[in-house]
Amino acid sequence: MPDPSSSNSLLEQTVSLMSSAASYMRLPAIASTGVAALLTALLYFKQKALIYPSHIPANARTDVPRPSQFNFRDYEELIIPTNDGEKLSAFYIRGPRGGPNSKVTVLMFHGNAGNIGHRLPIARMLIAASGCNVFMLEYRGYGISTGQPDESGLNIDAQTALDYLRDRAETRDHKIVVYGQSLGGAVGIRLVAKNQGGGDISGLILENTFLSMRKLIPSIMPPAKYLAYLCHQVWPSDSLIPSIKVPTLFLSGLQDEIVPPIHMKRLYELSKAPIKVWKPLPGGDHNSSVIEEGYFEAIADFVNKIVAEKEKE
């Protein structure tokens, strides 16, 4: 088992890196006679670059940390094809073999900047806390995955990852827990809403995600609040989450400066999941919630609970 102090240090480095990457979200307020025209152009023509900054931080498309750099020993580095011709990078990292959660795989979707390598410290803590396996998918246009990111493409990528786990001999009988941070939460909500009937998706974990991209715009770009209808990358999580019937954990950083915490609270209220858990993180901002006390303990408790519930069925 990794040294906790070492793991926490790696997490803190990850948080620092992702906090600097998130600075693009805080666009300055524009006060000029051309504000409407400029904001209209930004929202309609440049929104993919704003929503999916896969080049942030510098070298994020080429410099992808590998599991070996974090002392993982039981893992695979994968390239998985999509049905529309892209090739996605992924890591499959095994937890302790023979442990109580050795047949649980967390399908992990990251936020909208950086790459899967930047989240390896999070995977390390997930495994240490819960004993599960972790499958980390790299979206198209991120890291070394091919293609260009957009809403429809990322949904294809998520489906590709789930289908891979369902088809793979090692994982086809695993309980799958979908875990998404920020944008990754929206990806996870869409995937679970579409696939929960299969019986293998046992839970959904959401951290600091939003109601929809259109409803987020007034917070991150206040002068554009009347132009939100121009956003064609919609991510309508608020309309999808009421249909989700698998247990759901809501991890909300109450100091989130990017996604107002009311978004997470409203998603929790809209959820009709048979088991839903609200975990506020009082000091957590958009990127530092993972180092808040109780974060990984809440995930471990949630995983243990849903595994126990499944065993009763």
C-alpha atoms as a PDB file:
ATOM      1  CA  MET A   1       0.000   0.000   0.000  1.00  0.00           C
ATOM      2  CA  PRO A   2       1.418   3.421  -0.872  1.00  0.00           C
ATOM      3  CA  ASP A   3       2.646   5.746   1.848  1.00  0.00           C
ATOM      4  CA  PRO A   4      -0.277   8.122   2.633  1.00  0.00           C
ATOM      5  CA  SER A   5       1.951  11.182   3.014  1.00  0.00           C
ATOM      6  CA  SER A   6       3.532  10.516  -0.378  1.00  0.00           C
ATOM      7  CA  SER A   7       0.102  10.058  -1.986  1.00  0.00           C
ATOM      8  CA  ASN A   8      -1.177  13.290  -0.445  1.00  0.00           C
ATOM      9  CA  SER A   9       1.852  15.179  -1.733  1.00  0.00           C
ATOM     10  CA  LEU A  10       1.209  13.870  -5.244  1.00  0.00           C
ATOM     11  CA  LEU A  11      -2.434  14.888  -4.938  1.00  0.00           C
ATOM     12  CA  GLU A  12      -1.478  18.387  -3.879  1.00  0.00           C
ATOM     13  CA  GLN A  13       0.842  18.702  -6.896  1.00  0.00           C
ATOM     14  CA  THR A  14      -1.990  17.534  -9.147  1.00  0.00           C
ATOM     15  CA  VAL A  15      -4.388  20.070  -7.631  1.00  0.00           C
ATOM     16  CA  SER A  16      -1.874  22.878  -8.166  1.00  0.00           C
ATOM     17  CA  LEU A  17      -1.405  21.890 -11.797  1.00  0.00           C
ATOM     18  CA  MET A  18      -5.130  21.629 -12.497  1.00  0.00           C
ATOM     19  CA  SER A  19      -5.869  24.907 -10.721  1.00  0.00           C
ATOM     20  CA  SER A  20      -3.547  26.748 -13.056  1.00  0.00           C
ATOM     21  CA  ALA A  21      -5.132  24.941 -16.009  1.00  0.00           C
ATOM     22  CA  ALA A  22      -8.590  26.061 -14.928  1.00  0.00           C
ATOM     23  CA  SER A  23      -7.719  29.744 -15.104  1.00  0.00           C
ATOM     24  CA  TYR A  24      -9.026  29.948 -18.676  1.00  0.00           C
ATOM     25  CA  MET A  25     -12.555  29.683 -17.285  1.00  0.00           C
ATOM     26  CA  ARG A  26     -12.266  33.024 -15.547  1.00  0.00           C
ATOM     27  CA  LEU A  27     -12.430  35.212 -18.620  1.00  0.00           C
ATOM     28  CA  PRO A  28     -12.261  38.915 -17.787  1.00  0.00           C
ATOM     29  CA  ALA A  29     -15.469  40.909 -18.026  1.00  0.00           C
ATOM     30  CA  ILE A  30     -15.433  42.855 -21.265  1.00  0.00           C
ATOM     31  CA  ALA A  31     -16.709  46.415 -21.162  1.00  0.00           C
ATOM     32  CA  SER A  32     -16.805  48.035 -24.563  1.00  0.00           C
ATOM     33  CA  THR A  33     -19.217  49.038 -27.264  1.00  0.00           C
ATOM     34  CA  GLY A  34     -18.390  45.853 -29.139  1.00  0.00           C
ATOM     35  CA  VAL A  35     -19.140  43.529 -26.231  1.00  0.00           C
ATOM     36  CA  ALA A  36     -22.218  41.895 -27.749  1.00  0.00           C
ATOM     37  CA  ALA A  37     -20.559  41.157 -31.066  1.00  0.00           C
ATOM     38  CA  LEU A  38     -17.406  39.861 -29.412  1.00  0.00           C
ATOM     39  CA  LEU A  39     -19.249  37.644 -26.957  1.00  0.00           C
ATOM     40  CA  THR A  40     -21.504  36.335 -29.704  1.00  0.00           C
ATOM     41  CA  ALA A  41     -18.456  35.356 -31.759  1.00  0.00           C
ATOM     42  CA  LEU A  42     -16.739  33.772 -28.761  1.00  0.00           C
ATOM     43  CA  LEU A  43     -19.754  31.747 -27.744  1.00  0.00           C
ATOM     44  CA  TYR A  44     -20.669  30.501 -31.162  1.00  0.00           C
ATOM     45  CA  PHE A  45     -17.348  30.039 -32.956  1.00  0.00           C
ATOM     46  CA  LYS A  46     -14.834  29.530 -30.140  1.00  0.00           C
ATOM     47  CA  GLN A  47     -16.833  27.634 -27.551  1.00  0.00           C
ATOM     48  CA  LYS A  48     -15.140  24.294 -28.235  1.00  0.00           C
ATOM     49  CA  ALA A  49     -11.740  25.854 -27.565  1.00  0.00           C
ATOM     50  CA  LEU A  50     -13.104  27.374 -24.338  1.00  0.00           C
ATOM     51  CA  ILE A  51     -14.926  24.264 -23.127  1.00  0.00           C
ATOM     52  CA  TYR A  52     -12.295  21.686 -24.131  1.00  0.00           C
ATOM     53  CA  PRO A  53      -8.845  23.272 -23.532  1.00  0.00           C
ATOM     54  CA  SER A  54      -6.981  20.024 -24.104  1.00  0.00           C
ATOM     55  CA  HIS A  55      -3.687  21.879 -24.689  1.00  0.00           C
ATOM     56  CA  ILE A  56      -3.705  23.256 -21.106  1.00  0.00           C
ATOM     57  CA  PRO A  57      -1.366  22.980 -19.259  1.00  0.00           C
ATOM     58  CA  ALA A  58       1.559  23.331 -21.667  1.00  0.00           C
ATOM     59  CA  ASN A  59       2.500  20.055 -23.381  1.00  0.00           C
ATOM     60  CA  ALA A  60      -0.640  18.300 -22.161  1.00  0.00           C
ATOM     61  CA  ARG A  61      -1.037  16.722 -25.602  1.00  0.00           C
ATOM     62  CA  THR A  62       2.425  15.186 -25.564  1.00  0.00           C
ATOM     63  CA  ASP A  63       3.597  14.913 -21.958  1.00  0.00           C
ATOM     64  CA  VAL A  64       1.371  12.263 -20.380  1.00  0.00           C
ATOM     65  CA  PRO A  65       2.653  10.818 -17.095  1.00  0.00           C
ATOM     66  CA  ARG A  66       2.618   7.021 -17.061  1.00  0.00           C
ATOM     67  CA  PRO A  67       1.544   4.647 -14.282  1.00  0.00           C
ATOM     68  CA  SER A  68       5.129   3.451 -13.758  1.00  0.00           C
ATOM     69  CA  GLN A  69       6.060   6.980 -12.654  1.00  0.00           C
ATOM     70  CA  PHE A  70       3.674   6.580  -9.709  1.00  0.00           C
ATOM     71  CA  ASN A  71       4.917   3.124  -8.716  1.00  0.00           C
ATOM     72  CA  PHE A  72       1.950   1.222 -10.120  1.00  0.00           C
ATOM     73  CA  ARG A  73       3.001  -2.303 -10.977  1.00  0.00           C
ATOM     74  CA  ASP A  74      -0.157  -4.064 -12.103  1.00  0.00           C
ATOM     75  CA  TYR A  75      -1.548  -2.070 -15.013  1.00  0.00           C
ATOM     76  CA  GLU A  76      -1.982  -1.891 -18.777  1.00  0.00           C
ATOM     77  CA  GLU A  77      -1.531   1.026 -21.162  1.00  0.00           C
ATOM     78  CA  LEU A  78      -4.137   0.671 -23.912  1.00  0.00           C
ATOM     79  CA  ILE A  79      -5.161   2.132 -27.254  1.00  0.00           C
ATOM     80  CA  ILE A  80      -8.861   1.555 -27.932  1.00  0.00           C
ATOM     81  CA  PRO A  81     -10.551   2.262 -31.294  1.00  0.00           C
ATOM     82  CA  THR A  82     -13.912   4.013 -31.516  1.00  0.00           C
ATOM     83  CA  ASN A  83     -16.598   3.185 -34.059  1.00  0.00           C
ATOM     84  CA  ASP A  84     -16.000   6.506 -35.808  1.00  0.00           C
ATOM     85  CA  GLY A  85     -12.305   5.929 -36.416  1.00  0.00           C
ATOM     86  CA  GLU A  86     -10.531   7.556 -33.449  1.00  0.00           C
ATOM     87  CA  LYS A  87      -7.949   5.908 -31.202  1.00  0.00           C
ATOM     88  CA  LEU A  88      -8.246   6.529 -27.482  1.00  0.00           C
ATOM     89  CA  SER A  89      -5.521   6.188 -24.889  1.00  0.00           C
ATOM     90  CA  ALA A  90      -6.449   4.502 -21.616  1.00  0.00           C
ATOM     91  CA  PHE A  91      -4.948   3.033 -18.453  1.00  0.00           C
ATOM     92  CA  TYR A  92      -6.350  -0.041 -16.716  1.00  0.00           C
ATOM     93  CA  ILE A  93      -4.923  -0.210 -13.202  1.00  0.00           C
ATOM     94  CA  ARG A  94      -5.656  -3.193 -10.992  1.00  0.00           C
ATOM     95  CA  GLY A  95      -6.319  -2.985  -7.303  1.00  0.00           C
ATOM     96  CA  PRO A  96      -5.331  -5.740  -4.848  1.00  0.00           C
ATOM     97  CA  ARG A  97      -6.171  -9.120  -6.335  1.00  0.00           C
ATOM     98  CA  GLY A  98      -8.516 -11.198  -4.225  1.00  0.00           C
ATOM     99  CA  GLY A  99      -9.667  -8.234  -2.151  1.00  0.00           C
ATOM    100  CA  PRO A 100     -13.331  -7.590  -1.330  1.00  0.00           C
ATOM    101  CA  ASN A 101     -13.645  -5.079  -4.180  1.00  0.00           C
ATOM    102  CA  SER A 102     -11.395  -6.804  -6.679  1.00  0.00           C
ATOM    103  CA  LYS A 103     -14.396  -7.231  -8.993  1.00  0.00           C
ATOM    104  CA  VAL A 104     -15.291  -3.543  -8.922  1.00  0.00           C
ATOM    105  CA  THR A 105     -13.928  -1.254 -11.629  1.00  0.00           C
ATOM    106  CA  VAL A 106     -14.184   2.521 -11.417  1.00  0.00           C
ATOM    107  CA  LEU A 107     -14.610   4.056 -14.875  1.00  0.00           C
ATOM    108  CA  MET A 108     -13.003   7.466 -14.490  1.00  0.00           C
ATOM    109  CA  PHE A 109     -13.788  10.569 -16.580  1.00  0.00           C
ATOM    110  CA  HIS A 110     -11.648  13.625 -15.926  1.00  0.00           C
ATOM    111  CA  GLY A 111     -12.346  17.349 -16.175  1.00  0.00           C
ATOM    112  CA  ASN A 112     -11.907  19.520 -19.221  1.00  0.00           C
ATOM    113  CA  ALA A 113      -8.185  20.318 -19.009  1.00  0.00           C
ATOM    114  CA  GLY A 114      -5.064  18.186 -18.680  1.00  0.00           C
ATOM    115  CA  ASN A 115      -4.839  14.457 -19.385  1.00  0.00           C
ATOM    116  CA  ILE A 116      -5.279  11.096 -17.673  1.00  0.00           C
ATOM    117  CA  GLY A 117      -1.664  11.071 -16.514  1.00  0.00           C
ATOM    118  CA  HIS A 118      -2.318  14.143 -14.406  1.00  0.00           C
ATOM    119  CA  ARG A 119      -5.006  12.187 -12.528  1.00  0.00           C
ATOM    120  CA  LEU A 120      -2.853   9.173 -11.649  1.00  0.00           C
ATOM    121  CA  PRO A 121      -2.447  10.385  -8.028  1.00  0.00           C
ATOM    122  CA  ILE A 122      -6.241  10.359  -7.754  1.00  0.00           C
ATOM    123  CA  ALA A 123      -6.366   6.805  -9.106  1.00  0.00           C
ATOM    124  CA  ARG A 124      -3.712   5.824  -6.584  1.00  0.00           C
ATOM    125  CA  MET A 125      -5.789   7.172  -3.706  1.00  0.00           C
ATOM    126  CA  LEU A 126      -8.973   5.557  -5.052  1.00  0.00           C
ATOM    127  CA  ILE A 127      -7.305   2.170  -5.096  1.00  0.00           C
ATOM    128  CA  ALA A 128      -5.726   2.642  -1.658  1.00  0.00           C
ATOM    129  CA  ALA A 129      -9.056   3.681  -0.134  1.00  0.00           C
ATOM    130  CA  SER A 130     -11.434   1.232  -1.788  1.00  0.00           C
ATOM    131  CA  GLY A 131      -9.376  -1.645  -3.197  1.00  0.00           C
ATOM    132  CA  CYS A 132     -11.113  -1.397  -6.566  1.00  0.00           C
ATOM    133  CA  ASN A 133      -9.670  -1.338 -10.085  1.00  0.00           C
ATOM    134  CA  VAL A 134      -9.537   1.903 -12.073  1.00  0.00           C
ATOM    135  CA  PHE A 135     -10.051   2.377 -15.811  1.00  0.00           C
ATOM    136  CA  MET A 136      -8.933   5.836 -16.954  1.00  0.00           C
ATOM    137  CA  LEU A 137     -10.137   6.929 -20.386  1.00  0.00           C
ATOM    138  CA  GLU A 138      -8.564   9.727 -22.413  1.00  0.00           C
ATOM    139  CA  TYR A 139     -11.088  11.657 -24.489  1.00  0.00           C
ATOM    140  CA  ARG A 140     -10.507  12.314 -28.174  1.00  0.00           C
ATOM    141  CA  GLY A 141      -8.263  15.299 -28.708  1.00  0.00           C
ATOM    142  CA  TYR A 142      -6.716  14.974 -25.236  1.00  0.00           C
ATOM    143  CA  GLY A 143      -3.324  13.526 -24.371  1.00  0.00           C
ATOM    144  CA  ILE A 144      -2.253  11.144 -27.123  1.00  0.00           C
ATOM    145  CA  SER A 145      -5.810  10.270 -28.205  1.00  0.00           C
ATOM    146  CA  THR A 146      -6.637  11.237 -31.778  1.00  0.00           C
ATOM    147  CA  GLY A 147      -9.418  13.524 -32.955  1.00  0.00           C
ATOM    148  CA  GLN A 148     -11.022  16.762 -31.812  1.00  0.00           C
ATOM    149  CA  PRO A 149     -13.248  17.011 -28.726  1.00  0.00           C
ATOM    150  CA  ASP A 150     -16.914  17.941 -28.806  1.00  0.00           C
ATOM    151  CA  GLU A 151     -20.050  16.807 -27.004  1.00  0.00           C
ATOM    152  CA  SER A 152     -21.064  14.091 -29.438  1.00  0.00           C
ATOM    153  CA  GLY A 153     -17.509  12.783 -29.692  1.00  0.00           C
ATOM    154  CA  LEU A 154     -16.967  12.560 -25.943  1.00  0.00           C
ATOM    155  CA  ASN A 155     -20.222  10.641 -25.611  1.00  0.00           C
ATOM    156  CA  ILE A 156     -18.951   8.158 -28.206  1.00  0.00           C
ATOM    157  CA  ASP A 157     -15.704   7.883 -26.246  1.00  0.00           C
ATOM    158  CA  ALA A 158     -17.537   7.144 -22.992  1.00  0.00           C
ATOM    159  CA  GLN A 159     -19.630   4.464 -24.681  1.00  0.00           C
ATOM    160  CA  THR A 160     -16.462   2.986 -26.172  1.00  0.00           C
ATOM    161  CA  ALA A 161     -14.925   2.708 -22.696  1.00  0.00           C
ATOM    162  CA  LEU A 162     -17.997   1.026 -21.214  1.00  0.00           C
ATOM    163  CA  ASP A 163     -18.297  -1.379 -24.140  1.00  0.00           C
ATOM    164  CA  TYR A 164     -14.610  -2.247 -23.743  1.00  0.00           C
ATOM    165  CA  LEU A 165     -15.114  -3.160 -20.080  1.00  0.00           C
ATOM    166  CA  ARG A 166     -18.232  -5.154 -20.940  1.00  0.00           C
ATOM    167  CA  ASP A 167     -16.437  -7.101 -23.669  1.00  0.00           C
ATOM    168  CA  ARG A 168     -13.139  -7.684 -21.888  1.00  0.00           C
ATOM    169  CA  ALA A 169     -12.972 -11.157 -20.305  1.00  0.00           C
ATOM    170  CA  GLU A 170     -11.375  -9.856 -17.113  1.00  0.00           C
ATOM    171  CA  THR A 171     -14.023  -7.205 -16.454  1.00  0.00           C
ATOM    172  CA  ARG A 172     -17.227  -8.417 -18.090  1.00  0.00           C
ATOM    173  CA  ASP A 173     -18.595  -9.610 -14.733  1.00  0.00           C
ATOM    174  CA  HIS A 174     -17.336  -6.619 -12.757  1.00  0.00           C
ATOM    175  CA  LYS A 175     -19.517  -4.092 -11.002  1.00  0.00           C
ATOM    176  CA  ILE A 176     -18.843  -0.769 -12.711  1.00  0.00           C
ATOM    177  CA  VAL A 177     -18.852   2.525 -10.844  1.00  0.00           C
ATOM    178  CA  VAL A 178     -18.803   5.586 -13.101  1.00  0.00           C
ATOM    179  CA  TYR A 179     -16.829   8.493 -11.607  1.00  0.00           C
ATOM    180  CA  GLY A 180     -16.738  11.938 -13.194  1.00  0.00           C
ATOM    181  CA  GLN A 181     -15.147  15.214 -12.189  1.00  0.00           C
ATOM    182  CA  SER A 182     -16.601  18.491 -13.521  1.00  0.00           C
ATOM    183  CA  LEU A 183     -17.096  17.940 -17.273  1.00  0.00           C
ATOM    184  CA  GLY A 184     -16.450  14.257 -16.589  1.00  0.00           C
ATOM    185  CA  GLY A 185     -19.551  14.254 -14.406  1.00  0.00           C
ATOM    186  CA  ALA A 186     -21.645  15.383 -17.362  1.00  0.00           C
ATOM    187  CA  VAL A 187     -20.043  12.634 -19.464  1.00  0.00           C
ATOM    188  CA  GLY A 188     -20.842  10.103 -16.744  1.00  0.00           C
ATOM    189  CA  ILE A 189     -24.444  11.209 -16.331  1.00  0.00           C
ATOM    190  CA  ARG A 190     -25.125  10.801 -20.047  1.00  0.00           C
ATOM    191  CA  LEU A 191     -23.442   7.386 -20.130  1.00  0.00           C
ATOM    192  CA  VAL A 192     -25.302   6.029 -17.099  1.00  0.00           C
ATOM    193  CA  ALA A 193     -28.668   7.381 -18.254  1.00  0.00           C
ATOM    194  CA  LYS A 194     -28.237   5.502 -21.525  1.00  0.00           C
ATOM    195  CA  ASN A 195     -26.781   2.237 -20.184  1.00  0.00           C
ATOM    196  CA  GLN A 196     -28.115   1.612 -16.685  1.00  0.00           C
ATOM    197  CA  GLY A 197     -30.465  -1.123 -17.868  1.00  0.00           C
ATOM    198  CA  GLY A 198     -27.566  -3.532 -18.351  1.00  0.00           C
ATOM    199  CA  GLY A 199     -27.262  -4.215 -14.634  1.00  0.00           C
ATOM    200  CA  ASP A 200     -23.484  -3.904 -14.499  1.00  0.00           C
ATOM    201  CA  ILE A 201     -23.403  -0.177 -13.671  1.00  0.00           C
ATOM    202  CA  SER A 202     -23.645  -0.257  -9.887  1.00  0.00           C
ATOM    203  CA  GLY A 203     -23.060   3.383  -9.015  1.00  0.00           C
ATOM    204  CA  LEU A 204     -22.354   6.928 -10.148  1.00  0.00           C
ATOM    205  CA  ILE A 205     -19.973   9.374  -8.439  1.00  0.00           C
ATOM    206  CA  LEU A 206     -20.143  13.060  -9.347  1.00  0.00           C
ATOM    207  CA  GLU A 207     -17.736  15.766  -8.271  1.00  0.00           C
ATOM    208  CA  ASN A 208     -18.283  19.490  -8.917  1.00  0.00           C
ATOM    209  CA  THR A 209     -20.289  19.110 -12.090  1.00  0.00           C
ATOM    210  CA  PHE A 210     -22.898  21.447 -13.542  1.00  0.00           C
ATOM    211  CA  LEU A 211     -26.579  21.496 -14.462  1.00  0.00           C
ATOM    212  CA  SER A 212     -25.854  22.251 -18.119  1.00  0.00           C
ATOM    213  CA  MET A 213     -23.276  24.254 -20.015  1.00  0.00           C
ATOM    214  CA  ARG A 214     -25.879  26.878 -20.876  1.00  0.00           C
ATOM    215  CA  LYS A 215     -26.749  27.308 -17.197  1.00  0.00           C
ATOM    216  CA  LEU A 216     -23.054  27.565 -16.304  1.00  0.00           C
ATOM    217  CA  ILE A 217     -22.293  30.416 -18.716  1.00  0.00           C
ATOM    218  CA  PRO A 218     -23.730  33.215 -16.503  1.00  0.00           C
ATOM    219  CA  SER A 219     -21.269  32.198 -13.754  1.00  0.00           C
ATOM    220  CA  ILE A 220     -18.089  31.910 -15.787  1.00  0.00           C
ATOM    221  CA  MET A 221     -18.840  34.630 -18.342  1.00  0.00           C
ATOM    222  CA  PRO A 222     -21.397  37.009 -16.788  1.00  0.00           C
ATOM    223  CA  PRO A 223     -21.631  39.485 -19.698  1.00  0.00           C
ATOM    224  CA  ALA A 224     -22.746  36.600 -21.924  1.00  0.00           C
ATOM    225  CA  LYS A 225     -25.661  35.422 -19.814  1.00  0.00           C
ATOM    226  CA  TYR A 226     -28.218  36.599 -22.373  1.00  0.00           C
ATOM    227  CA  LEU A 227     -26.377  34.769 -25.154  1.00  0.00           C
ATOM    228  CA  ALA A 228     -26.301  31.340 -23.507  1.00  0.00           C
ATOM    229  CA  TYR A 229     -28.742  30.023 -26.116  1.00  0.00           C
ATOM    230  CA  LEU A 230     -25.854  30.202 -28.607  1.00  0.00           C
ATOM    231  CA  CYS A 231     -24.028  27.441 -26.738  1.00  0.00           C
ATOM    232  CA  HIS A 232     -24.307  24.310 -28.888  1.00  0.00           C
ATOM    233  CA  GLN A 233     -22.252  22.164 -26.469  1.00  0.00           C
ATOM    234  CA  VAL A 234     -25.203  21.706 -24.148  1.00  0.00           C
ATOM    235  CA  TRP A 235     -24.437  18.834 -21.731  1.00  0.00           C
ATOM    236  CA  PRO A 236     -27.998  18.758 -20.277  1.00  0.00           C
ATOM    237  CA  SER A 237     -27.273  16.919 -17.039  1.00  0.00           C
ATOM    238  CA  ASP A 238     -30.246  18.461 -15.254  1.00  0.00           C
ATOM    239  CA  SER A 239     -32.668  16.887 -17.712  1.00  0.00           C
ATOM    240  CA  LEU A 240     -30.961  13.475 -17.610  1.00  0.00           C
ATOM    241  CA  ILE A 241     -30.253  12.882 -13.939  1.00  0.00           C
ATOM    242  CA  PRO A 242     -33.915  12.332 -12.918  1.00  0.00           C
ATOM    243  CA  SER A 243     -33.891   9.199 -15.093  1.00  0.00           C
ATOM    244  CA  ILE A 244     -30.896   7.660 -13.333  1.00  0.00           C
ATOM    245  CA  LYS A 245     -31.835   4.783 -11.055  1.00  0.00           C
ATOM    246  CA  VAL A 246     -28.422   3.672  -9.783  1.00  0.00           C
ATOM    247  CA  PRO A 247     -26.968   4.791  -6.424  1.00  0.00           C
ATOM    248  CA  THR A 248     -25.308   8.187  -6.739  1.00  0.00           C
ATOM    249  CA  LEU A 249     -22.706  10.003  -4.634  1.00  0.00           C
ATOM    250  CA  PHE A 250     -22.498  13.799  -4.878  1.00  0.00           C
ATOM    251  CA  LEU A 251     -19.141  15.323  -3.857  1.00  0.00           C
ATOM    252  CA  SER A 252     -19.482  19.104  -3.689  1.00  0.00           C
ATOM    253  CA  GLY A 253     -16.698  21.591  -2.983  1.00  0.00           C
ATOM    254  CA  LEU A 254     -18.517  24.438  -1.278  1.00  0.00           C
ATOM    255  CA  GLN A 255     -15.828  26.961  -2.299  1.00  0.00           C
ATOM    256  CA  ASP A 256     -16.026  26.041  -5.994  1.00  0.00           C
ATOM    257  CA  GLU A 257     -15.162  29.204  -7.920  1.00  0.00           C
ATOM    258  CA  ILE A 258     -15.957  27.738 -11.369  1.00  0.00           C
ATOM    259  CA  VAL A 259     -19.161  25.724 -10.922  1.00  0.00           C
ATOM    260  CA  PRO A 260     -21.374  27.347  -8.264  1.00  0.00           C
ATOM    261  CA  PRO A 261     -22.159  24.719  -5.583  1.00  0.00           C
ATOM    262  CA  ILE A 262     -25.870  25.315  -6.164  1.00  0.00           C
ATOM    263  CA  HIS A 263     -25.472  23.324  -9.407  1.00  0.00           C
ATOM    264  CA  MET A 264     -24.441  20.213  -7.494  1.00  0.00           C
ATOM    265  CA  LYS A 265     -27.127  20.748  -4.879  1.00  0.00           C
ATOM    266  CA  ARG A 266     -29.783  21.047  -7.571  1.00  0.00           C
ATOM    267  CA  LEU A 267     -28.543  17.865  -9.290  1.00  0.00           C
ATOM    268  CA  TYR A 268     -28.851  16.105  -5.929  1.00  0.00           C
ATOM    269  CA  GLU A 269     -32.396  17.399  -5.523  1.00  0.00           C
ATOM    270  CA  LEU A 270     -33.332  16.313  -9.049  1.00  0.00           C
ATOM    271  CA  SER A 271     -31.904  12.821  -8.557  1.00  0.00           C
ATOM    272  CA  LYS A 272     -34.379  10.001  -8.039  1.00  0.00           C
ATOM    273  CA  ALA A 273     -31.706   7.399  -7.324  1.00  0.00           C
ATOM    274  CA  PRO A 274     -32.717   4.719  -4.774  1.00  0.00           C
ATOM    275  CA  ILE A 275     -29.597   5.596  -2.789  1.00  0.00           C
ATOM    276  CA  LYS A 276     -28.185   9.101  -3.030  1.00  0.00           C
ATOM    277  CA  VAL A 277     -25.478  10.522  -0.796  1.00  0.00           C
ATOM    278  CA  TRP A 278     -24.647  14.207  -0.383  1.00  0.00           C
ATOM    279  CA  LYS A 279     -21.047  14.859   0.708  1.00  0.00           C
ATOM    280  CA  PRO A 280     -20.230  18.557   1.143  1.00  0.00           C
ATOM    281  CA  LEU A 281     -16.554  19.498   1.228  1.00  0.00           C
ATOM    282  CA  PRO A 282     -16.502  22.827   3.082  1.00  0.00           C
ATOM    283  CA  GLY A 283     -13.027  23.969   1.993  1.00  0.00           C
ATOM    284  CA  GLY A 284     -12.988  22.444  -1.467  1.00  0.00           C
ATOM    285  CA  ASP A 285     -12.758  24.627  -4.553  1.00  0.00           C
ATOM    286  CA  HIS A 286     -13.132  23.392  -8.117  1.00  0.00           C
ATOM    287  CA  ASN A 287      -9.823  21.538  -8.219  1.00  0.00           C
ATOM    288  CA  SER A 288      -8.875  21.051  -4.572  1.00  0.00           C
ATOM    289  CA  SER A 289     -11.875  19.017  -3.443  1.00  0.00           C
ATOM    290  CA  VAL A 290      -9.870  15.801  -3.817  1.00  0.00           C
ATOM    291  CA  ILE A 291      -7.584  16.814  -0.957  1.00  0.00           C
ATOM    292  CA  GLU A 292     -10.411  17.689   1.412  1.00  0.00           C
ATOM    293  CA  GLU A 293     -10.761  15.523   4.494  1.00  0.00           C
ATOM    294  CA  GLY A 294     -13.248  12.720   3.947  1.00  0.00           C
ATOM    295  CA  TYR A 295     -13.203  12.770   0.139  1.00  0.00           C
ATOM    296  CA  PHE A 296     -11.795   9.294  -0.464  1.00  0.00           C
ATOM    297  CA  GLU A 297     -13.402   7.894   2.681  1.00  0.00           C
ATOM    298  CA  ALA A 298     -16.791   8.932   1.260  1.00  0.00           C
ATOM    299  CA  ILE A 299     -16.005   7.127  -1.991  1.00  0.00           C
ATOM    300  CA  ALA A 300     -14.837   3.992  -0.182  1.00  0.00           C
ATOM    301  CA  ASP A 301     -17.954   3.950   2.016  1.00  0.00           C
ATOM    302  CA  PHE A 302     -20.152   4.440  -1.048  1.00  0.00           C
ATOM    303  CA  VAL A 303     -18.470   1.633  -3.004  1.00  0.00           C
ATOM    304  CA  ASN A 304     -18.678  -0.736  -0.034  1.00  0.00           C
ATOM    305  CA  LYS A 305     -22.351   0.089   0.460  1.00  0.00           C
ATOM    306  CA  ILE A 306     -23.387  -0.502  -3.152  1.00  0.00           C
ATOM    307  CA  VAL A 307     -21.365  -3.716  -3.343  1.00  0.00           C
ATOM    308  CA  ALA A 308     -23.135  -4.969  -0.205  1.00  0.00           C
ATOM    309  CA  GLU A 309     -26.510  -4.000  -1.688  1.00  0.00           C
ATOM    310  CA  LYS A 310     -25.700  -5.866  -4.910  1.00  0.00           C
ATOM    311  CA  GLU A 311     -24.759  -8.989  -2.969  1.00  0.00           C
ATOM    312  CA  LYS A 312     -28.188  -8.971  -1.313  1.00  0.00           C
ATOM    313  CA  GLU A 313     -29.972  -9.116  -4.686  1.00  0.00           C
END
